[in-house]
Amino acid sequence: MSFERAFDELERATCPAEQFLCAYDLARSAALAVVLAAARPRARWQLWQWLGRIAPELREWAEYFAAHDEVAAVAQAGATAMITQRQADDFERGVRKFTRECAKRLGQASA
């Protein structure tokens, strides 16, 4: 799985909420790739819980993104004004770092 196309979409975001949601989706995709590469979980745990258990070195990231679940849900429901440009920028930087960690774990040269 290459994350380059997702990064391209992230670059085209036109407002802080869109930037945040693109970054959030990218983080979830990267986490899911790590989880699926390790195992096909049967239990219905949340993605971030699975990630923390399967890849303990990514546990802090899993906690970070789990803490953003509510913000993402509210933004997806249409309350986009609550996300500032700074929040979106900070979150995107985190997602980029996290995605690089996932790519490294998956054996990709770069993400």
Protein backbone atom coordinates (compact mmCIF):
# COMPACT_ATOMS: atom_id res chain seq x y z
CA MET A 1 0.00 0.00 0.00
CA SER A 2 1.39 3.38 -0.98
CA PHE A 3 0.24 6.51 0.78
CA GLU A 4 1.37 8.91 -1.94
CA ARG A 5 -2.09 9.39 -3.45
CA ALA A 6 -3.52 10.16 -0.01
CA PHE A 7 -0.79 12.75 0.52
CA ASP A 8 -1.72 14.32 -2.83
CA GLU A 9 -5.36 14.55 -1.74
CA LEU A 10 -4.23 16.07 1.55
CA GLU A 11 -2.32 18.74 -0.34
CA ARG A 12 -5.50 19.74 -2.19
CA ALA A 13 -7.54 20.35 0.98
CA THR A 14 -9.26 23.72 0.75
CA CYS A 15 -10.14 24.38 4.41
CA PRO A 16 -8.91 23.33 7.85
CA ALA A 17 -11.72 20.81 8.37
CA GLU A 18 -11.09 19.14 5.00
CA GLN A 19 -7.36 19.06 5.77
CA PHE A 20 -8.03 17.52 9.18
CA LEU A 21 -10.43 14.89 7.80
CA CYS A 22 -8.05 13.92 4.98
CA ALA A 23 -5.23 13.59 7.49
CA TYR A 24 -7.46 11.57 9.83
CA ASP A 25 -8.45 9.19 7.04
CA LEU A 26 -4.80 8.79 6.09
CA ALA A 27 -3.88 7.92 9.68
CA ARG A 28 -6.68 5.35 9.87
CA SER A 29 -5.58 3.83 6.56
CA ALA A 30 -1.98 3.54 7.73
CA ALA A 31 -3.05 1.99 11.02
CA LEU A 32 -5.36 -0.43 9.27
CA ALA A 33 -2.56 -1.50 6.93
CA VAL A 34 -0.35 -2.33 9.92
CA VAL A 35 -3.18 -4.21 11.66
CA LEU A 36 -4.10 -6.20 8.56
CA ALA A 37 -0.48 -7.03 7.84
CA ALA A 38 -0.14 -8.52 11.32
CA ALA A 39 -3.41 -10.44 11.59
CA ARG A 40 -7.04 -10.63 10.61
CA PRO A 41 -8.71 -9.75 13.92
CA ARG A 42 -12.00 -11.48 14.67
CA ALA A 43 -13.04 -9.43 17.68
CA ARG A 44 -14.70 -6.07 17.11
CA TRP A 45 -12.19 -3.87 18.88
CA GLN A 46 -11.63 -0.39 17.68
CA LEU A 47 -8.88 0.07 15.15
CA TRP A 48 -6.72 2.10 17.52
CA GLN A 49 -6.96 -0.52 20.28
CA TRP A 50 -5.87 -3.21 17.83
CA LEU A 51 -3.01 -1.10 16.62
CA GLY A 52 -1.70 -0.56 20.16
CA ARG A 53 -1.79 -4.27 20.89
CA ILE A 54 -0.36 -5.51 17.60
CA ALA A 55 2.30 -2.83 17.30
CA PRO A 56 3.26 -1.67 20.82
CA GLU A 57 5.79 0.75 19.34
CA LEU A 58 2.80 2.58 17.80
CA ARG A 59 0.72 2.62 21.02
CA GLU A 60 1.28 6.33 21.66
CA TRP A 61 0.11 7.07 18.13
CA ALA A 62 -2.94 4.86 18.64
CA GLU A 63 -3.83 6.80 21.78
CA TYR A 64 -3.25 10.09 19.98
CA PHE A 65 -5.59 9.19 17.13
CA ALA A 66 -8.20 7.62 19.40
CA ALA A 67 -8.31 10.94 21.22
CA HIS A 68 -9.27 12.56 17.90
CA ASP A 69 -12.15 10.19 17.10
CA GLU A 70 -14.76 12.55 18.52
CA VAL A 71 -13.39 15.59 16.67
CA ALA A 72 -13.44 13.63 13.42
CA ALA A 73 -17.00 12.42 14.04
CA VAL A 74 -18.22 15.95 14.73
CA ALA A 75 -16.46 17.31 11.63
CA GLN A 76 -17.83 14.47 9.50
CA ALA A 77 -21.30 15.40 10.78
CA GLY A 78 -20.80 18.89 9.38
CA ALA A 79 -19.47 20.96 12.29
CA THR A 80 -16.38 21.94 10.35
CA ALA A 81 -15.90 25.44 11.77
CA MET A 82 -14.66 24.02 15.06
CA ILE A 83 -11.33 23.01 13.51
CA THR A 84 -8.78 25.80 13.20
CA GLN A 85 -6.02 25.97 10.63
CA ARG A 86 -3.43 25.44 13.36
CA GLN A 87 -5.22 22.31 14.61
CA ALA A 88 -5.42 20.94 11.08
CA ASP A 89 -1.74 21.72 10.44
CA ASP A 90 -0.63 20.13 13.72
CA PHE A 91 -2.76 17.06 13.09
CA GLU A 92 -1.45 16.71 9.54
CA ARG A 93 2.15 16.84 10.79
CA GLY A 94 1.33 14.07 13.25
CA VAL A 95 -0.29 11.98 10.53
CA ARG A 96 2.75 12.37 8.29
CA LYS A 97 5.08 11.18 11.08
CA PHE A 98 2.76 8.31 11.94
CA THR A 99 2.42 7.25 8.31
CA ARG A 100 6.21 7.16 7.93
CA GLU A 101 6.39 4.89 11.00
CA CYS A 102 3.73 2.61 9.50
CA ALA A 103 5.50 2.53 6.14
CA LYS A 104 8.77 1.63 7.87
CA ARG A 105 7.03 -1.17 9.77
CA LEU A 106 5.50 -2.43 6.51
CA GLY A 107 8.92 -2.40 4.81
CA GLN A 108 8.29 0.55 2.51
CA ALA A 109 11.20 2.81 1.68
CA SER A 110 9.20 6.00 2.06
CA ALA A 111 5.66 7.20 2.51
